[in-house]
N, C-alpha and C. Protein backbone atom coordinates (compact mmCIF):
# COMPACT_ATOMS: atom_id res chain seq x y z
N UNK A 1 -42.02 34.97 -58.74
CA UNK A 1 -42.54 33.66 -58.43
C UNK A 1 -41.48 32.59 -58.65
N UNK A 2 -40.64 32.80 -59.66
CA UNK A 2 -39.59 31.83 -59.95
C UNK A 2 -38.62 31.77 -58.78
N UNK A 3 -38.40 32.90 -58.13
CA UNK A 3 -37.50 32.93 -56.99
C UNK A 3 -37.97 32.00 -55.88
N UNK A 4 -39.25 31.93 -55.65
CA UNK A 4 -39.78 31.03 -54.61
C UNK A 4 -39.54 29.57 -54.97
N UNK A 5 -39.69 29.22 -56.26
CA UNK A 5 -39.39 27.85 -56.69
C UNK A 5 -37.92 27.53 -56.45
N UNK A 6 -37.07 28.48 -56.77
CA UNK A 6 -35.64 28.27 -56.63
C UNK A 6 -35.25 28.09 -55.16
N UNK A 7 -35.80 28.89 -54.28
CA UNK A 7 -35.49 28.78 -52.85
C UNK A 7 -36.00 27.44 -52.31
N UNK A 8 -37.18 27.04 -52.69
CA UNK A 8 -37.71 25.75 -52.25
C UNK A 8 -36.85 24.61 -52.78
N UNK A 9 -36.45 24.70 -54.02
CA UNK A 9 -35.59 23.68 -54.64
C UNK A 9 -34.26 23.58 -53.89
N UNK A 10 -33.65 24.69 -53.59
CA UNK A 10 -32.37 24.69 -52.88
C UNK A 10 -32.53 24.17 -51.45
N UNK A 11 -33.61 24.52 -50.77
CA UNK A 11 -33.83 24.06 -49.41
C UNK A 11 -34.04 22.54 -49.38
N UNK A 12 -34.80 22.02 -50.32
CA UNK A 12 -35.01 20.57 -50.37
C UNK A 12 -33.71 19.85 -50.70
N UNK A 13 -32.95 20.38 -51.65
CA UNK A 13 -31.67 19.77 -52.00
C UNK A 13 -30.69 19.77 -50.85
N UNK A 14 -30.63 20.86 -50.11
CA UNK A 14 -29.75 20.95 -48.95
C UNK A 14 -30.16 19.96 -47.87
N UNK A 15 -31.46 19.83 -47.64
CA UNK A 15 -31.96 18.89 -46.64
C UNK A 15 -31.64 17.45 -47.02
N UNK A 16 -31.82 17.11 -48.29
CA UNK A 16 -31.52 15.76 -48.75
C UNK A 16 -30.02 15.49 -48.63
N UNK A 17 -29.19 16.47 -49.00
CA UNK A 17 -27.74 16.30 -48.90
C UNK A 17 -27.31 16.08 -47.45
N UNK A 18 -27.87 16.83 -46.54
CA UNK A 18 -27.54 16.63 -45.12
C UNK A 18 -27.99 15.26 -44.63
N UNK A 19 -29.15 14.81 -45.08
CA UNK A 19 -29.63 13.49 -44.70
C UNK A 19 -28.73 12.38 -45.21
N UNK A 20 -28.28 12.48 -46.45
CA UNK A 20 -27.39 11.46 -47.01
C UNK A 20 -26.04 11.49 -46.29
N UNK A 21 -25.55 12.67 -45.97
CA UNK A 21 -24.29 12.77 -45.23
C UNK A 21 -24.41 12.16 -43.83
N UNK A 22 -25.51 12.42 -43.14
CA UNK A 22 -25.73 11.83 -41.82
C UNK A 22 -25.84 10.31 -41.92
N UNK A 23 -26.50 9.82 -42.96
CA UNK A 23 -26.61 8.38 -43.19
C UNK A 23 -25.23 7.77 -43.39
N UNK A 24 -24.36 8.44 -44.15
CA UNK A 24 -23.01 7.94 -44.39
C UNK A 24 -22.19 7.94 -43.11
N UNK A 25 -22.36 8.95 -42.28
CA UNK A 25 -21.64 8.98 -41.00
C UNK A 25 -22.07 7.83 -40.10
N UNK A 26 -23.39 7.61 -40.01
CA UNK A 26 -23.89 6.52 -39.17
C UNK A 26 -23.51 5.16 -39.73
N UNK A 27 -23.35 5.05 -41.04
CA UNK A 27 -23.01 3.79 -41.67
C UNK A 27 -21.53 3.46 -41.62
N UNK A 28 -20.70 4.36 -41.12
CA UNK A 28 -19.27 4.11 -40.99
C UNK A 28 -18.47 4.32 -42.25
N UNK A 29 -18.95 5.16 -43.15
CA UNK A 29 -18.25 5.39 -44.41
C UNK A 29 -16.92 6.11 -44.22
N UNK A 30 -16.75 6.83 -43.13
CA UNK A 30 -15.55 7.64 -42.93
C UNK A 30 -14.71 7.14 -41.75
N UNK A 31 -14.79 5.87 -41.42
CA UNK A 31 -14.12 5.33 -40.24
C UNK A 31 -12.61 5.21 -40.40
N UNK A 32 -12.13 4.61 -41.48
CA UNK A 32 -10.72 4.27 -41.61
C UNK A 32 -10.04 5.18 -42.63
N UNK A 33 -9.84 6.43 -42.29
CA UNK A 33 -9.25 7.39 -43.21
C UNK A 33 -7.75 7.17 -43.40
N UNK A 34 -7.06 6.71 -42.38
CA UNK A 34 -5.61 6.51 -42.50
C UNK A 34 -5.28 5.40 -43.50
N UNK A 35 -6.01 4.31 -43.47
CA UNK A 35 -5.77 3.21 -44.41
C UNK A 35 -6.23 3.59 -45.81
N UNK A 36 -7.34 4.26 -45.92
CA UNK A 36 -7.89 4.62 -47.23
C UNK A 36 -6.96 5.56 -47.99
N UNK A 37 -6.20 6.33 -47.28
CA UNK A 37 -5.29 7.28 -47.92
C UNK A 37 -4.23 6.57 -48.77
N UNK A 38 -3.78 5.38 -48.33
CA UNK A 38 -2.69 4.69 -49.00
C UNK A 38 -3.15 3.52 -49.88
N UNK A 39 -4.42 3.24 -49.96
CA UNK A 39 -4.90 2.12 -50.77
C UNK A 39 -4.51 2.20 -52.24
N UNK A 40 -4.57 3.36 -52.89
CA UNK A 40 -4.18 3.39 -54.31
C UNK A 40 -2.69 3.12 -54.53
N UNK A 41 -1.87 3.28 -53.50
CA UNK A 41 -0.43 3.11 -53.65
C UNK A 41 0.03 1.67 -53.44
N UNK A 42 -0.80 0.81 -52.87
CA UNK A 42 -0.41 -0.57 -52.59
C UNK A 42 -0.68 -1.43 -53.82
N UNK A 43 0.38 -2.02 -54.39
CA UNK A 43 0.19 -2.76 -55.64
C UNK A 43 -0.34 -4.18 -55.45
N UNK A 44 -0.12 -4.80 -54.30
CA UNK A 44 -0.41 -6.22 -54.14
C UNK A 44 -1.77 -6.56 -53.58
N UNK A 45 -2.71 -5.65 -53.57
CA UNK A 45 -4.01 -5.93 -52.99
C UNK A 45 -4.88 -6.60 -54.05
N UNK A 46 -5.28 -7.84 -53.82
CA UNK A 46 -6.18 -8.47 -54.80
C UNK A 46 -7.58 -7.87 -54.69
N UNK A 47 -8.29 -7.81 -55.78
CA UNK A 47 -9.65 -7.26 -55.71
C UNK A 47 -10.55 -8.16 -54.87
N UNK A 48 -11.42 -7.52 -54.15
CA UNK A 48 -12.35 -8.26 -53.29
C UNK A 48 -13.35 -9.01 -54.16
N UNK A 49 -13.70 -10.22 -53.76
CA UNK A 49 -14.69 -10.96 -54.54
C UNK A 49 -16.06 -10.28 -54.41
N UNK A 50 -16.85 -10.33 -55.47
CA UNK A 50 -18.18 -9.71 -55.38
C UNK A 50 -19.04 -10.44 -54.36
N UNK A 51 -19.81 -9.69 -53.64
CA UNK A 51 -20.69 -10.31 -52.64
C UNK A 51 -22.13 -9.93 -52.93
N UNK A 52 -23.01 -10.78 -52.48
CA UNK A 52 -24.43 -10.53 -52.70
C UNK A 52 -24.91 -9.44 -51.77
N UNK A 53 -25.75 -8.60 -52.30
CA UNK A 53 -26.32 -7.54 -51.48
C UNK A 53 -27.42 -8.09 -50.59
N UNK A 54 -27.49 -7.59 -49.39
CA UNK A 54 -28.56 -7.98 -48.49
C UNK A 54 -29.84 -7.26 -48.91
N UNK A 55 -30.92 -7.67 -48.33
CA UNK A 55 -32.21 -7.03 -48.64
C UNK A 55 -32.17 -5.54 -48.27
N UNK A 56 -31.57 -5.23 -47.13
CA UNK A 56 -31.49 -3.84 -46.69
C UNK A 56 -30.66 -3.01 -47.67
N UNK A 57 -29.56 -3.57 -48.16
CA UNK A 57 -28.71 -2.85 -49.11
C UNK A 57 -29.44 -2.61 -50.42
N UNK A 58 -30.24 -3.58 -50.86
CA UNK A 58 -31.01 -3.38 -52.09
C UNK A 58 -32.07 -2.29 -51.90
N UNK A 59 -32.68 -2.26 -50.72
CA UNK A 59 -33.69 -1.23 -50.45
C UNK A 59 -33.03 0.15 -50.41
N UNK A 60 -31.86 0.25 -49.75
CA UNK A 60 -31.15 1.53 -49.69
C UNK A 60 -30.76 1.99 -51.08
N UNK A 61 -30.31 1.07 -51.91
CA UNK A 61 -29.94 1.42 -53.28
C UNK A 61 -31.15 1.92 -54.05
N UNK A 62 -32.27 1.26 -53.90
CA UNK A 62 -33.49 1.69 -54.57
C UNK A 62 -33.95 3.06 -54.12
N UNK A 63 -33.87 3.31 -52.81
CA UNK A 63 -34.30 4.61 -52.28
C UNK A 63 -33.37 5.72 -52.78
N UNK A 64 -32.06 5.47 -52.79
CA UNK A 64 -31.14 6.49 -53.28
C UNK A 64 -31.34 6.75 -54.77
N UNK A 65 -31.62 5.71 -55.54
CA UNK A 65 -31.90 5.89 -56.96
C UNK A 65 -33.18 6.70 -57.15
N UNK A 66 -34.20 6.41 -56.34
CA UNK A 66 -35.46 7.16 -56.44
C UNK A 66 -35.24 8.63 -56.06
N UNK A 67 -34.41 8.90 -55.05
CA UNK A 67 -34.11 10.28 -54.69
C UNK A 67 -33.38 11.00 -55.81
N UNK A 68 -32.44 10.31 -56.45
CA UNK A 68 -31.71 10.92 -57.57
C UNK A 68 -32.67 11.24 -58.72
N UNK A 69 -33.56 10.31 -59.02
CA UNK A 69 -34.55 10.56 -60.08
C UNK A 69 -35.48 11.71 -59.72
N UNK A 70 -35.91 11.77 -58.48
CA UNK A 70 -36.78 12.86 -58.04
C UNK A 70 -36.05 14.20 -58.15
N UNK A 71 -34.77 14.23 -57.83
CA UNK A 71 -33.99 15.45 -57.97
C UNK A 71 -33.88 15.90 -59.41
N UNK A 72 -33.69 14.94 -60.32
CA UNK A 72 -33.64 15.29 -61.73
C UNK A 72 -34.98 15.81 -62.24
N UNK A 73 -36.06 15.20 -61.78
CA UNK A 73 -37.38 15.67 -62.18
C UNK A 73 -37.63 17.07 -61.65
N UNK A 74 -37.27 17.32 -60.39
CA UNK A 74 -37.44 18.66 -59.82
C UNK A 74 -36.61 19.69 -60.57
N UNK A 75 -35.40 19.31 -60.96
CA UNK A 75 -34.55 20.22 -61.74
C UNK A 75 -35.21 20.54 -63.08
N UNK A 76 -35.73 19.52 -63.73
CA UNK A 76 -36.40 19.75 -65.01
C UNK A 76 -37.61 20.64 -64.87
N UNK A 77 -38.40 20.41 -63.84
CA UNK A 77 -39.60 21.24 -63.62
C UNK A 77 -39.19 22.68 -63.33
N UNK A 78 -38.16 22.86 -62.54
CA UNK A 78 -37.70 24.21 -62.23
C UNK A 78 -37.23 24.93 -63.48
N UNK A 79 -36.47 24.25 -64.32
CA UNK A 79 -36.01 24.86 -65.56
C UNK A 79 -37.19 25.17 -66.47
N UNK A 80 -38.13 24.23 -66.56
CA UNK A 80 -39.31 24.47 -67.40
C UNK A 80 -40.09 25.70 -66.97
N UNK A 81 -40.38 25.81 -65.67
CA UNK A 81 -41.15 26.95 -65.20
C UNK A 81 -40.36 28.25 -65.28
N UNK A 82 -39.03 28.15 -65.19
CA UNK A 82 -38.22 29.36 -65.31
C UNK A 82 -38.19 29.89 -66.73
N UNK A 83 -38.21 28.98 -67.70
CA UNK A 83 -38.08 29.39 -69.10
C UNK A 83 -39.41 29.49 -69.84
N UNK A 84 -40.48 29.02 -69.23
CA UNK A 84 -41.78 29.03 -69.91
C UNK A 84 -42.27 30.47 -70.09
N UNK A 85 -42.76 30.79 -71.28
CA UNK A 85 -43.29 32.15 -71.49
C UNK A 85 -44.61 32.34 -70.74
N UNK A 86 -44.84 33.53 -70.34
CA UNK A 86 -46.10 33.84 -69.66
C UNK A 86 -46.07 33.51 -68.18
N UNK A 87 -44.89 33.31 -67.61
CA UNK A 87 -44.80 33.03 -66.18
C UNK A 87 -45.16 34.25 -65.37
N UNK A 88 -45.52 34.01 -64.15
CA UNK A 88 -45.94 35.13 -63.29
C UNK A 88 -44.78 35.85 -62.70
């Protein structure tokens, strides 16, 4: 029975990881790889001023935080059921 929990846990984690990766691709996170490669080597770049997050960015941050918390809870539940005595 524990094996079924583990397979479901891995399938959900894989699906969430693919969704976050697709979101990053659509959001343009990997657009400028040539410039990003040399950023740590350039000494004269002033730090960017902090900017206010838009409503959409705050919602995305909240959703990603909730997904991370849900993943931790699922991990804890899986470990609990795996180690609990009297399991099926």
